[in-house]
Structures are given as C-alpha cells and as structure tokens.
Amino acid sequence: MNEIERLLNKYERFVALPWDRTLAGPQRVWFVMYDPTQERRLRLQLEAFQVVTEQAQHRWTLVDLTDTFAHWMAQHEYREAYFEQPEDMDLALDDYAAQVVELVQNALTASDTDDQTMVALLGIGSLFGLMRASVLIERVAPFIRGRLLVFFPGHKEGASYRLLDARDSWNYLAVAITADEE
C-alpha cells in the first residue's frame, strides 16, 4: 500500500468519528500530510477522499488554490511591470493574499456550508513564496463551521508544520493525519 492509500485509509477512519461541535475554529482544521513528491498521486485520489467523506454523512466542498496566482496576475493591471521588476510586487502580494483569504472564507460561509461540511483545500503548496499558509489558516479559522481539510505537502515535527519541507515551521492546533504506521 502506498503513502496516499494509507492516508486515505486513516482519513476514512477519522472522518467517520463524530464531530465535536464545541471546538474552536483552529481546532476544526485537519491536515492530510504527505511527502511533496506524492502530489500527483494525491490528486489522482482526491475523488476517493470526497467519497469517504460523503459515506460518513458529511458534505464536501473543494477549494483548489493551485491556479489562483496565475488568474490573479493575468488580471492585474501592472502585471507587465511586475514581470520586469518582480521585487516591486511585495505590496501587490498583500492584495493577492487578501483575495485567497476571501476565496476560502466564502467557501466556509456559503449558504450550503454548515457544521457537517468538509471544506477541502487543495494546492496550498502553490502559495509558497507568495503568502504564508499559516496566515491563510489563521485568518479563515474563525469562519469554519464544520471542518477545514488542508492537503498539506510537508511534514510535522511535534506541533510544528513545515510546508514543502522548506519554509520555517509554525505551531498550530490542527489535527494531523499522516500515513505513518500505527
């Protein structure tokens, strides 16, 4: 059994457990953690994660962040200038970060999202170098009604999470689901 199949099995057992409705937003975040080299394999199994979520009587909403920067940049009026001098983009990246936060927040607060909805974030690795994943999660955590599932290419050491095994880690209250043997 490969890493993603083990993750799916663990996730299936975990999502079937009753959801505590008294948890604070940051405690409603689940990280499915996998080696960054497994990204394609995970994406091929994404539908299986949805199926097991729905079999556990929860709704599923997917938010894919993979292409958000490309779409944002394509519409930006100063894109040509940023390509010529990327170091001038720092202030614009704050605008991009706000747009990503709004996208996720809208999914978490949509009218069809409730305390039994799993909002899944895919493509968080595409934020690397543009905005910190920790900032995104901290900003949207107060809006989580059900659970926020973050497909996280990286690893966890104690309570510290490291995106793409490269970024400085941060501490977080999320539940980590890993492929480690029990």
N, C-alpha and C. Protein backbone atom coordinates (compact mmCIF):
# COMPACT_ATOMS: atom_id res chain seq x y z
N MET A 1 0.85 -1.17 0.00
CA MET A 1 0.00 0.00 0.00
C MET A 1 0.90 1.25 0.00
N ASN A 2 0.63 2.19 -0.92
CA ASN A 2 1.47 3.39 -0.99
C ASN A 2 1.02 4.43 0.04
N GLU A 3 1.79 5.51 0.13
CA GLU A 3 1.55 6.54 1.14
C GLU A 3 0.15 7.15 1.03
N ILE A 4 -0.31 7.44 -0.17
CA ILE A 4 -1.62 8.09 -0.34
C ILE A 4 -2.75 7.12 0.01
N GLU A 5 -2.60 5.85 -0.32
CA GLU A 5 -3.61 4.86 0.07
C GLU A 5 -3.69 4.73 1.59
N ARG A 6 -2.53 4.75 2.26
CA ARG A 6 -2.52 4.71 3.73
C ARG A 6 -3.18 5.97 4.31
N LEU A 7 -2.89 7.12 3.70
CA LEU A 7 -3.53 8.36 4.14
C LEU A 7 -5.04 8.29 3.99
N LEU A 8 -5.49 7.80 2.87
CA LEU A 8 -6.93 7.68 2.62
C LEU A 8 -7.57 6.76 3.66
N ASN A 9 -6.93 5.64 3.97
CA ASN A 9 -7.47 4.72 4.98
C ASN A 9 -7.57 5.39 6.34
N LYS A 10 -6.52 6.11 6.73
CA LYS A 10 -6.56 6.82 8.01
C LYS A 10 -7.62 7.90 8.01
N TYR A 11 -7.70 8.65 6.92
CA TYR A 11 -8.70 9.70 6.81
C TYR A 11 -10.10 9.11 6.90
N GLU A 12 -10.32 7.99 6.24
CA GLU A 12 -11.64 7.35 6.25
C GLU A 12 -12.07 7.01 7.68
N ARG A 13 -11.15 6.47 8.47
CA ARG A 13 -11.46 6.15 9.87
C ARG A 13 -11.70 7.43 10.67
N PHE A 14 -10.93 8.43 10.40
CA PHE A 14 -11.01 9.68 11.16
C PHE A 14 -12.30 10.45 10.85
N VAL A 15 -12.66 10.56 9.57
CA VAL A 15 -13.84 11.33 9.19
C VAL A 15 -15.13 10.66 9.66
N ALA A 16 -15.07 9.37 9.92
CA ALA A 16 -16.26 8.64 10.37
C ALA A 16 -16.56 8.87 11.86
N LEU A 17 -15.60 9.39 12.60
CA LEU A 17 -15.82 9.67 14.02
C LEU A 17 -16.78 10.85 14.17
N PRO A 18 -17.53 10.91 15.28
CA PRO A 18 -18.43 12.06 15.49
C PRO A 18 -17.62 13.36 15.59
N TRP A 19 -18.17 14.43 15.04
CA TRP A 19 -17.53 15.73 15.07
C TRP A 19 -17.98 16.51 16.28
N ASP A 20 -17.03 16.93 17.09
CA ASP A 20 -17.31 17.74 18.26
C ASP A 20 -17.68 19.15 17.81
N ARG A 21 -18.87 19.58 18.14
CA ARG A 21 -19.35 20.91 17.71
C ARG A 21 -18.88 22.03 18.62
N THR A 22 -18.22 21.70 19.72
CA THR A 22 -17.81 22.72 20.67
C THR A 22 -16.38 23.22 20.44
N LEU A 23 -15.71 22.68 19.45
CA LEU A 23 -14.33 23.08 19.18
C LEU A 23 -14.25 24.48 18.60
N ALA A 24 -13.19 25.18 18.92
CA ALA A 24 -12.91 26.48 18.32
C ALA A 24 -12.44 26.28 16.88
N GLY A 25 -12.50 27.34 16.07
CA GLY A 25 -12.10 27.27 14.67
C GLY A 25 -10.75 26.63 14.42
N PRO A 26 -9.69 27.07 15.12
CA PRO A 26 -8.37 26.48 14.86
C PRO A 26 -8.31 24.98 15.16
N GLN A 27 -9.19 24.48 16.01
CA GLN A 27 -9.21 23.05 16.33
C GLN A 27 -10.04 22.25 15.32
N ARG A 28 -10.69 22.92 14.40
CA ARG A 28 -11.50 22.27 13.37
C ARG A 28 -10.72 22.07 12.07
N VAL A 29 -9.44 22.35 12.11
CA VAL A 29 -8.59 22.22 10.93
C VAL A 29 -7.92 20.85 10.96
N TRP A 30 -8.00 20.13 9.84
CA TRP A 30 -7.32 18.85 9.69
C TRP A 30 -6.29 19.00 8.57
N PHE A 31 -5.09 18.51 8.82
CA PHE A 31 -4.05 18.48 7.79
C PHE A 31 -3.84 17.04 7.35
N VAL A 32 -4.06 16.76 6.08
CA VAL A 32 -3.67 15.49 5.49
C VAL A 32 -2.26 15.73 4.99
N MET A 33 -1.29 15.15 5.68
CA MET A 33 0.12 15.44 5.43
C MET A 33 0.76 14.33 4.60
N TYR A 34 1.47 14.76 3.57
CA TYR A 34 2.10 13.80 2.67
C TYR A 34 3.40 14.38 2.14
N ASP A 35 4.25 13.51 1.67
CA ASP A 35 5.50 13.93 1.07
C ASP A 35 5.20 14.74 -0.18
N PRO A 36 5.84 15.89 -0.37
CA PRO A 36 5.57 16.71 -1.55
C PRO A 36 5.72 15.97 -2.88
N THR A 37 6.55 14.93 -2.91
CA THR A 37 6.72 14.17 -4.16
C THR A 37 5.48 13.36 -4.51
N GLN A 38 4.52 13.26 -3.58
CA GLN A 38 3.30 12.48 -3.78
C GLN A 38 2.11 13.32 -4.28
N GLU A 39 2.37 14.57 -4.65
CA GLU A 39 1.28 15.49 -5.04
C GLU A 39 0.41 14.93 -6.16
N ARG A 40 1.00 14.44 -7.20
CA ARG A 40 0.21 13.91 -8.32
C ARG A 40 -0.61 12.70 -7.90
N ARG A 41 -0.01 11.83 -7.14
CA ARG A 41 -0.72 10.65 -6.67
C ARG A 41 -1.91 11.06 -5.79
N LEU A 42 -1.71 12.07 -4.94
CA LEU A 42 -2.80 12.55 -4.09
C LEU A 42 -3.93 13.11 -4.96
N ARG A 43 -3.59 13.90 -5.95
CA ARG A 43 -4.61 14.49 -6.81
C ARG A 43 -5.42 13.41 -7.55
N LEU A 44 -4.77 12.32 -7.89
CA LEU A 44 -5.49 11.23 -8.54
C LEU A 44 -6.49 10.56 -7.59
N GLN A 45 -6.23 10.64 -6.30
CA GLN A 45 -7.10 10.02 -5.30
C GLN A 45 -8.08 11.01 -4.64
N LEU A 46 -8.10 12.23 -5.12
CA LEU A 46 -8.93 13.26 -4.50
C LEU A 46 -10.41 12.86 -4.43
N GLU A 47 -10.91 12.27 -5.49
CA GLU A 47 -12.31 11.85 -5.51
C GLU A 47 -12.58 10.80 -4.43
N ALA A 48 -11.62 9.95 -4.14
CA ALA A 48 -11.80 8.94 -3.09
C ALA A 48 -11.94 9.61 -1.72
N PHE A 49 -11.23 10.70 -1.49
CA PHE A 49 -11.40 11.44 -0.23
C PHE A 49 -12.82 12.00 -0.14
N GLN A 50 -13.32 12.50 -1.25
CA GLN A 50 -14.69 13.01 -1.27
C GLN A 50 -15.69 11.88 -0.99
N VAL A 51 -15.50 10.74 -1.61
CA VAL A 51 -16.42 9.62 -1.44
C VAL A 51 -16.48 9.18 0.02
N VAL A 52 -15.33 9.01 0.67
CA VAL A 52 -15.35 8.55 2.06
C VAL A 52 -15.93 9.62 2.98
N THR A 53 -15.76 10.89 2.62
CA THR A 53 -16.37 11.97 3.41
C THR A 53 -17.89 11.88 3.31
N GLU A 54 -18.38 11.70 2.12
CA GLU A 54 -19.83 11.62 1.92
C GLU A 54 -20.41 10.33 2.50
N GLN A 55 -19.65 9.24 2.48
CA GLN A 55 -20.11 8.00 3.11
C GLN A 55 -20.23 8.16 4.62
N ALA A 56 -19.46 9.08 5.18
CA ALA A 56 -19.52 9.36 6.62
C ALA A 56 -20.61 10.39 6.93
N GLN A 57 -21.46 10.68 5.94
CA GLN A 57 -22.60 11.58 6.10
C GLN A 57 -22.21 13.05 6.25
N HIS A 58 -21.11 13.45 5.61
CA HIS A 58 -20.70 14.85 5.62
C HIS A 58 -20.68 15.36 4.18
N ARG A 59 -20.95 16.63 4.02
CA ARG A 59 -20.87 17.26 2.71
C ARG A 59 -19.42 17.61 2.40
N TRP A 60 -19.12 17.80 1.12
CA TRP A 60 -17.76 18.04 0.65
C TRP A 60 -17.76 19.26 -0.26
N THR A 61 -16.88 20.20 0.01
CA THR A 61 -16.65 21.35 -0.85
C THR A 61 -15.15 21.45 -1.08
N LEU A 62 -14.76 21.52 -2.34
CA LEU A 62 -13.34 21.61 -2.67
C LEU A 62 -12.99 23.03 -3.11
N VAL A 63 -11.91 23.56 -2.56
CA VAL A 63 -11.36 24.84 -2.98
C VAL A 63 -9.93 24.56 -3.47
N ASP A 64 -9.70 24.75 -4.75
CA ASP A 64 -8.38 24.48 -5.33
C ASP A 64 -7.65 25.81 -5.52
N LEU A 65 -6.55 25.97 -4.80
CA LEU A 65 -5.77 27.20 -4.84
C LEU A 65 -4.67 27.17 -5.90
N THR A 66 -4.53 26.08 -6.58
CA THR A 66 -3.40 25.86 -7.48
C THR A 66 -3.19 26.99 -8.49
N ASP A 67 -4.24 27.44 -9.14
CA ASP A 67 -4.11 28.43 -10.21
C ASP A 67 -4.49 29.85 -9.78
N THR A 68 -4.70 30.08 -8.49
CA THR A 68 -5.18 31.40 -8.06
C THR A 68 -4.19 32.51 -8.40
N PHE A 69 -2.90 32.26 -8.23
CA PHE A 69 -1.94 33.31 -8.52
C PHE A 69 -1.92 33.63 -10.02
N ALA A 70 -1.95 32.62 -10.86
CA ALA A 70 -1.93 32.86 -12.31
C ALA A 70 -3.14 33.67 -12.74
N HIS A 71 -4.31 33.33 -12.20
CA HIS A 71 -5.52 34.08 -12.56
C HIS A 71 -5.45 35.51 -12.04
N TRP A 72 -4.97 35.66 -10.82
CA TRP A 72 -4.85 37.00 -10.23
C TRP A 72 -3.87 37.85 -11.04
N MET A 73 -2.73 37.29 -11.35
CA MET A 73 -1.70 38.04 -12.09
C MET A 73 -2.19 38.39 -13.50
N ALA A 74 -2.88 37.47 -14.15
CA ALA A 74 -3.36 37.73 -15.51
C ALA A 74 -4.31 38.92 -15.56
N GLN A 75 -5.01 39.19 -14.46
CA GLN A 75 -5.96 40.30 -14.43
C GLN A 75 -5.37 41.58 -13.84
N HIS A 76 -4.16 41.51 -13.36
CA HIS A 76 -3.56 42.67 -12.68
C HIS A 76 -3.09 43.70 -13.71
N GLU A 77 -3.44 44.97 -13.51
CA GLU A 77 -3.10 46.00 -14.49
C GLU A 77 -1.60 46.25 -14.61
N TYR A 78 -0.83 45.95 -13.56
CA TYR A 78 0.62 46.19 -13.60
C TYR A 78 1.43 44.92 -13.83
N ARG A 79 0.81 43.89 -14.35
CA ARG A 79 1.49 42.60 -14.50
C ARG A 79 2.78 42.69 -15.31
N GLU A 80 2.77 43.45 -16.39
CA GLU A 80 3.98 43.56 -17.23
C GLU A 80 5.12 44.19 -16.44
N ALA A 81 4.81 45.21 -15.66
CA ALA A 81 5.84 45.86 -14.84
C ALA A 81 6.38 44.90 -13.78
N TYR A 82 5.50 44.06 -13.22
CA TYR A 82 5.93 43.09 -12.21
C TYR A 82 6.83 42.02 -12.81
N PHE A 83 6.57 41.65 -14.06
CA PHE A 83 7.43 40.67 -14.71
C PHE A 83 8.82 41.26 -14.94
N GLU A 84 8.86 42.56 -15.21
CA GLU A 84 10.14 43.22 -15.44
C GLU A 84 10.91 43.44 -14.14
N GLN A 85 10.18 43.76 -13.06
CA GLN A 85 10.80 44.00 -11.75
C GLN A 85 9.99 43.32 -10.65
N PRO A 86 10.16 42.02 -10.49
CA PRO A 86 9.36 41.27 -9.53
C PRO A 86 9.52 41.76 -8.09
N GLU A 87 10.65 42.39 -7.77
CA GLU A 87 10.86 42.87 -6.41
C GLU A 87 9.87 43.98 -6.04
N ASP A 88 9.23 44.59 -7.02
CA ASP A 88 8.24 45.65 -6.76
C ASP A 88 6.86 45.08 -6.41
N MET A 89 6.75 43.79 -6.36
CA MET A 89 5.46 43.15 -6.19
C MET A 89 5.01 42.97 -4.74
N ASP A 90 5.84 43.28 -3.78
CA ASP A 90 5.52 42.99 -2.38
C ASP A 90 4.17 43.53 -1.95
N LEU A 91 3.86 44.77 -2.24
CA LEU A 91 2.56 45.33 -1.84
C LEU A 91 1.41 44.65 -2.57
N ALA A 92 1.63 44.32 -3.82
CA ALA A 92 0.58 43.65 -4.58
C ALA A 92 0.30 42.26 -4.01
N LEU A 93 1.31 41.62 -3.46
CA LEU A 93 1.10 40.29 -2.89
C LEU A 93 0.17 40.34 -1.69
N ASP A 94 0.12 41.46 -0.98
CA ASP A 94 -0.86 41.61 0.10
C ASP A 94 -2.28 41.54 -0.47
N ASP A 95 -2.47 42.14 -1.64
CA ASP A 95 -3.77 42.10 -2.32
C ASP A 95 -4.10 40.66 -2.74
N TYR A 96 -3.10 39.97 -3.26
CA TYR A 96 -3.30 38.56 -3.64
C TYR A 96 -3.68 37.73 -2.42
N ALA A 97 -2.96 37.91 -1.33
CA ALA A 97 -3.25 37.16 -0.10
C ALA A 97 -4.67 37.43 0.37
N ALA A 98 -5.10 38.67 0.32
CA ALA A 98 -6.47 39.02 0.72
C ALA A 98 -7.49 38.32 -0.17
N GLN A 99 -7.19 38.21 -1.45
CA GLN A 99 -8.10 37.54 -2.37
C GLN A 99 -8.19 36.04 -2.06
N VAL A 100 -7.08 35.42 -1.74
CA VAL A 100 -7.09 33.99 -1.39
C VAL A 100 -7.87 33.77 -0.10
N VAL A 101 -7.64 34.62 0.89
CA VAL A 101 -8.39 34.51 2.14
C VAL A 101 -9.88 34.64 1.87
N GLU A 102 -10.26 35.60 1.05
CA GLU A 102 -11.68 35.80 0.73
C GLU A 102 -12.27 34.58 0.02
N LEU A 103 -11.52 34.00 -0.90
CA LEU A 103 -11.98 32.80 -1.61
C LEU A 103 -12.30 31.67 -0.64
N VAL A 104 -11.39 31.41 0.28
CA VAL A 104 -11.60 30.33 1.25
C VAL A 104 -12.71 30.69 2.23
N GLN A 105 -12.71 31.92 2.69
CA GLN A 105 -13.74 32.37 3.62
C GLN A 105 -15.13 32.25 2.99
N ASN A 106 -15.26 32.60 1.72
CA ASN A 106 -16.54 32.47 1.03
C ASN A 106 -17.00 31.02 0.98
N ALA A 107 -16.08 30.09 0.77
CA ALA A 107 -16.45 28.68 0.76
C ALA A 107 -16.90 28.22 2.14
N LEU A 108 -16.23 28.72 3.17
CA LEU A 108 -16.56 28.33 4.54
C LEU A 108 -17.89 28.91 5.02
N THR A 109 -18.32 30.02 4.43
CA THR A 109 -19.54 30.68 4.88
C THR A 109 -20.67 30.61 3.86
N ALA A 110 -20.50 29.83 2.82
CA ALA A 110 -21.54 29.71 1.79
C ALA A 110 -22.83 29.19 2.42
N SER A 111 -23.94 29.50 1.79
CA SER A 111 -25.24 29.12 2.35
C SER A 111 -25.43 27.61 2.46
N ASP A 112 -24.75 26.84 1.63
CA ASP A 112 -24.88 25.38 1.69
C ASP A 112 -23.80 24.72 2.56
N THR A 113 -23.04 25.52 3.29
CA THR A 113 -22.00 25.02 4.17
C THR A 113 -22.50 25.12 5.61
N ASP A 114 -22.41 24.01 6.34
CA ASP A 114 -22.85 24.02 7.73
C ASP A 114 -21.86 23.23 8.59
N ASP A 115 -22.28 22.87 9.79
CA ASP A 115 -21.37 22.20 10.73
C ASP A 115 -21.08 20.74 10.36
N GLN A 116 -21.66 20.28 9.26
CA GLN A 116 -21.38 18.92 8.78
C GLN A 116 -20.70 18.95 7.41
N THR A 117 -20.10 20.07 7.08
CA THR A 117 -19.44 20.23 5.78
C THR A 117 -17.92 20.22 5.93
N MET A 118 -17.29 19.43 5.09
CA MET A 118 -15.84 19.41 5.00
C MET A 118 -15.45 20.32 3.83
N VAL A 119 -14.77 21.41 4.12
CA VAL A 119 -14.22 22.27 3.07
C VAL A 119 -12.77 21.85 2.91
N ALA A 120 -12.44 21.35 1.73
CA ALA A 120 -11.09 20.81 1.46
C ALA A 120 -10.28 21.82 0.66
N LEU A 121 -9.06 22.09 1.11
CA LEU A 121 -8.14 22.99 0.42
C LEU A 121 -7.07 22.18 -0.30
N LEU A 122 -7.02 22.34 -1.58
CA LEU A 122 -6.02 21.68 -2.41
C LEU A 122 -5.11 22.76 -2.99
N GLY A 123 -3.85 22.44 -3.19
CA GLY A 123 -2.94 23.38 -3.84
C GLY A 123 -2.32 24.40 -2.91
N ILE A 124 -2.29 24.10 -1.62
CA ILE A 124 -1.71 25.08 -0.68
C ILE A 124 -0.22 25.27 -0.94
N GLY A 125 0.42 24.28 -1.52
CA GLY A 125 1.83 24.42 -1.86
C GLY A 125 2.08 25.49 -2.92
N SER A 126 1.06 25.80 -3.71
CA SER A 126 1.21 26.84 -4.74
C SER A 126 1.30 28.24 -4.14
N LEU A 127 1.03 28.36 -2.85
CA LEU A 127 1.16 29.65 -2.16
C LEU A 127 2.60 29.93 -1.75
N PHE A 128 3.43 28.90 -1.80
CA PHE A 128 4.81 29.03 -1.34
C PHE A 128 5.51 30.21 -2.02
N GLY A 129 6.08 31.08 -1.22
CA GLY A 129 6.77 32.25 -1.73
C GLY A 129 5.86 33.43 -2.01
N LEU A 130 4.55 33.22 -1.97
CA LEU A 130 3.59 34.29 -2.25
C LEU A 130 2.87 34.75 -0.99
N MET A 131 2.51 33.80 -0.16
CA MET A 131 1.90 34.09 1.14
C MET A 131 2.12 32.89 2.03
N ARG A 132 2.09 33.11 3.30
CA ARG A 132 2.29 32.01 4.25
C ARG A 132 0.99 31.23 4.44
N ALA A 133 1.08 29.93 4.37
CA ALA A 133 -0.09 29.08 4.62
C ALA A 133 -0.63 29.32 6.01
N SER A 134 0.26 29.56 6.97
CA SER A 134 -0.19 29.79 8.35
C SER A 134 -1.06 31.03 8.45
N VAL A 135 -0.75 32.07 7.68
CA VAL A 135 -1.55 33.29 7.69
C VAL A 135 -2.95 33.00 7.14
N LEU A 136 -3.01 32.26 6.04
CA LEU A 136 -4.30 31.90 5.47
C LEU A 136 -5.15 31.15 6.48
N ILE A 137 -4.59 30.16 7.10
CA ILE A 137 -5.37 29.32 8.02
C ILE A 137 -5.79 30.13 9.25
N GLU A 138 -4.91 30.96 9.77
CA GLU A 138 -5.27 31.78 10.92
C GLU A 138 -6.40 32.75 10.59
N ARG A 139 -6.40 33.30 9.39
CA ARG A 139 -7.44 34.27 9.01
C ARG A 139 -8.79 33.63 8.74
N VAL A 140 -8.80 32.39 8.26
CA VAL A 140 -10.09 31.76 7.95
C VAL A 140 -10.63 30.90 9.09
N ALA A 141 -9.80 30.56 10.05
CA ALA A 141 -10.22 29.66 11.14
C ALA A 141 -11.49 30.12 11.85
N PRO A 142 -11.69 31.40 12.12
CA PRO A 142 -12.92 31.80 12.82
C PRO A 142 -14.20 31.53 12.02
N PHE A 143 -14.08 31.26 10.73
CA PHE A 143 -15.25 31.07 9.88
C PHE A 143 -15.59 29.60 9.63
N ILE A 144 -14.81 28.69 10.21
CA ILE A 144 -15.03 27.26 9.97
C ILE A 144 -16.25 26.80 10.76
N ARG A 145 -17.22 26.26 10.04
CA ARG A 145 -18.44 25.73 10.67
C ARG A 145 -18.31 24.23 10.94
N GLY A 146 -17.85 23.51 9.93
CA GLY A 146 -17.68 22.06 10.06
C GLY A 146 -16.21 21.76 10.28
N ARG A 147 -15.51 21.38 9.20
CA ARG A 147 -14.08 21.13 9.26
C ARG A 147 -13.42 21.72 8.02
N LEU A 148 -12.16 22.11 8.17
CA LEU A 148 -11.33 22.55 7.06
C LEU A 148 -10.24 21.51 6.89
N LEU A 149 -10.24 20.85 5.75
CA LEU A 149 -9.25 19.83 5.44
C LEU A 149 -8.20 20.44 4.52
N VAL A 150 -6.97 20.47 4.96
CA VAL A 150 -5.88 21.05 4.18
C VAL A 150 -4.99 19.91 3.69
N PHE A 151 -4.93 19.73 2.38
CA PHE A 151 -3.99 18.77 1.81
C PHE A 151 -2.63 19.44 1.85
N PHE A 152 -1.75 18.92 2.71
CA PHE A 152 -0.53 19.61 3.12
C PHE A 152 0.72 18.85 2.69
N PRO A 153 1.39 19.31 1.63
CA PRO A 153 2.63 18.67 1.21
C PRO A 153 3.79 19.14 2.10
N GLY A 154 4.12 18.35 3.07
CA GLY A 154 5.17 18.71 4.01
C GLY A 154 5.19 17.71 5.14
N HIS A 155 5.66 18.15 6.30
CA HIS A 155 5.69 17.24 7.43
C HIS A 155 5.50 17.99 8.74
N LYS A 156 5.33 17.22 9.78
CA LYS A 156 5.09 17.76 11.12
C LYS A 156 6.15 17.21 12.05
N GLU A 157 6.70 18.11 12.87
CA GLU A 157 7.65 17.70 13.91
C GLU A 157 7.10 18.25 15.22
N GLY A 158 6.59 17.37 16.08
CA GLY A 158 5.93 17.84 17.29
C GLY A 158 4.68 18.59 16.91
N ALA A 159 4.56 19.85 17.31
CA ALA A 159 3.41 20.67 16.94
C ALA A 159 3.74 21.63 15.81
N SER A 160 4.91 21.47 15.19
CA SER A 160 5.34 22.38 14.13
C SER A 160 5.13 21.76 12.76
N TYR A 161 4.59 22.58 11.85
CA TYR A 161 4.31 22.14 10.48
C TYR A 161 5.28 22.84 9.54
N ARG A 162 5.78 22.08 8.54
CA ARG A 162 6.74 22.63 7.59
C ARG A 162 6.21 22.36 6.18
N LEU A 163 5.75 23.41 5.50
CA LEU A 163 5.22 23.30 4.15
C LEU A 163 6.34 23.05 3.16
N LEU A 164 6.18 22.05 2.30
CA LEU A 164 7.16 21.68 1.28
C LEU A 164 8.53 21.39 1.88
N ASP A 165 8.57 21.07 3.15
CA ASP A 165 9.81 20.75 3.85
C ASP A 165 10.84 21.86 3.74
N ALA A 166 10.40 23.08 3.45
CA ALA A 166 11.37 24.15 3.22
C ALA A 166 11.11 25.39 4.06
N ARG A 167 9.89 25.76 4.21
CA ARG A 167 9.55 27.01 4.91
C ARG A 167 9.77 26.83 6.40
N ASP A 168 10.12 27.93 7.06
CA ASP A 168 10.20 27.88 8.52
C ASP A 168 8.87 27.34 9.03
N SER A 169 8.94 26.50 10.01
CA SER A 169 7.72 25.87 10.51
C SER A 169 6.97 26.80 11.45
N TRP A 170 5.72 26.44 11.71
CA TRP A 170 4.92 27.18 12.67
C TRP A 170 4.13 26.20 13.51
N ASN A 171 3.76 26.60 14.69
CA ASN A 171 2.95 25.76 15.58
C ASN A 171 1.49 26.02 15.27
N TYR A 172 0.69 24.95 15.35
CA TYR A 172 -0.72 25.10 15.05
C TYR A 172 -1.51 24.05 15.80
N LEU A 173 -2.78 24.33 16.02
CA LEU A 173 -3.65 23.42 16.77
C LEU A 173 -4.32 22.37 15.90
N ALA A 174 -4.00 22.31 14.63
CA ALA A 174 -4.67 21.40 13.70
C ALA A 174 -4.42 19.94 14.06
N VAL A 175 -5.33 19.11 13.60
CA VAL A 175 -5.19 17.66 13.71
C VAL A 175 -4.41 17.19 12.49
N ALA A 176 -3.35 16.47 12.71
CA ALA A 176 -2.53 15.96 11.61
C ALA A 176 -2.91 14.52 11.30
N ILE A 177 -3.20 14.26 10.05
CA ILE A 177 -3.47 12.89 9.57
C ILE A 177 -2.29 12.53 8.68
N THR A 178 -1.54 11.52 9.10
CA THR A 178 -0.34 11.12 8.37
C THR A 178 -0.44 9.66 7.95
N ALA A 179 0.45 9.27 7.04
CA ALA A 179 0.47 7.89 6.57
C ALA A 179 1.33 7.00 7.45
N ASP A 180 1.87 7.53 8.56
CA ASP A 180 2.71 6.74 9.45
C ASP A 180 1.97 5.50 9.92
N GLU A 181 2.72 4.45 10.07
CA GLU A 181 2.15 3.21 10.61
C GLU A 181 1.74 3.42 12.05
N GLU A 182 0.68 2.76 12.45
CA GLU A 182 0.20 2.91 13.84
C GLU A 182 0.87 1.93 14.76
